[in-house]
Amino acid sequence: MSKDLRSFLLQIAKAYPDEIRVFSDEIDPKFEITAYVEKLETKREDPIVFFRKVKGTKLPIVANTMATYKRLAFSLDTTEKDMVEVYATRESRPIPTKKVSPSEAPVKQVVLKGKDAKLSILPLLYHNELDGGQYICSAVMQVKDPDSGWINCGIYRHQIWDDYHFGVMTNPNNHANYVWRKYRDLNKPMPVALAVGHHPGYYMAAVARLPQIGGELDVAGGLMGEALEVVNGETIDMIVPARAEIVIEGVVKEPTKLVDEGPFGEWPRYYSGKKMVPVAEVTAITMRRNAIYEDIIAAHNEHTILGALPRMGSILRRTKGVVPSVKAVNLPVSGAARCHCYISMKKDVDGEPKQVAFAAFATDPNIKMVIVVDDDIDVFNEEEVLWAIATRFQADVGLTVIPNALGGHLNPSAYAMERTKHGVMETKLILDATIPMPPFEFPPRAKAPVAVFQRVDATRSAKNSADELISLLSTKEEMLEIKR
């Protein structure tokens, strides 16, 4: 069975049935789905939620599919412990796409063109209270580089203007923005495709930090372990995923014309202000006969988690390319899984931690702070990282401050050259929390001998330890005769 959204949901249903909640009551697409997810998050729960009836549409909605590392790791056939290394390995081994005919492509079971291709047939959501309108934020947007012909993929937000028009918001530091600028400079229409609903491998590939424009479709194959099936678009010269639930085809007819969009709740969990964006006109909508609309609940856990693992894998690959002794990378959720980056490495010479940090900044401009630690520190244990800063870091030699660097424009603290205005720049920090090289004398870490640590089994306590302790403490005291 080829991999897609449905195959993944079936796998989860069999392996982790407790992680799926199906709701049969009719739900309002205006804020209610976000409210359900938000309420579950307050209980520290992130199940997949499936809503069978959605007001105003015939299509059901599934959300939170990729809201946990456990499920993302499962989609890569691995565990949370090994997921970053496995992701990086699979990303480095792309599998070319497989072209299929329209009759073999489930996404071609329903084809709507012209006036029939109305966005309102989809369950378009209002996500957060102050959003500027209805948004599609779960689509992988595909655009084609006019120079190379390569297809670039990314996940962006798309405000709905009416039945036939949607906004195309691209980040200044993402490749899709460079592609749009090429069409703008050529003053030529830019074709776009929005694919909604697929296997997590396709989504993760879309947010991978690849060094060139394009390649994500082949990376999706590498992540899924099989070629991504693709089919020709109906109205645009572009291949699209054949096993997607829905594909919206469109054209930015006037790439030089921009309109206001926003605000919108973004990954930092704040609202971003209004943006100037180009507008695409819908030319076709194709979908499965009983399509499922997959949504990513913006500014909530899935929005954060989905973007984190691919970035970690990409950063691990790129930093290892600079310094091969890099061991592990973590984008902690405490840093919005974008802004802070913890990297462990075996340092051989002074200066290597900075080189590693520079590579991380170049891979993902959203990163504001890189903390580099030795390879005995577990970067997924935040207490250990903070302990390394407390005991191995001194700011006058270990802190590097880089102002006026390209950053994450969606971060509310990002600034323009006029520091009183919001912009696309941030001040980057590097914290070198590695042990100084000789001749500096640094004491060894206090711990039990390795052989003893490996020998003992801390799980072999009494089954009813508390009862046993109570029994021991309740035993009648006896005088012990001490022989001299």
Foldseek 3Di string as FASTA:
>chain_A
DDFKQVVLVVVCCVPPVVQEAEDEDEDEQEAGVLVVQVVCVVVVHQGWYKYCHYPQENAIEIESCQLDCQSVQVLQVHGSVCLLVSLLVLLVPFAAAAEDELVPFLLFPDKDFDPRQFPSNDSFHNFDDFKPATKAQQWWKWWAQPPPRAIATATDIWHDDGRWKIWDDDFPPDPVVVSLVVCQVVQAKTKMKTFFTIRLLLLLLRLALDPDGHDSQRSSCSSNVHHFYWYADDPDGDIDGRHTAKMWIWILGGSNAWDWGIQDQALVRDTFGIDTTTMITTGMMTGHPRGYGYGYRHSDSSRQSSNQSSLQSNLVVQLCVQPVQWDGKFQDVVCSSQAEMETEGADDDPPSLVSSVVSSCVSHQQYAEYEYEYPVADPVPVVSSVVLCVPQFDCVPFKDKAWFAFHGQRPQCDADPPRVHRDGTDIHMYGHSYHDDPPDDDDDDDDDDPVVVVPDDPVPDDPPNVVVVVVVVPDDDDDDDDDD
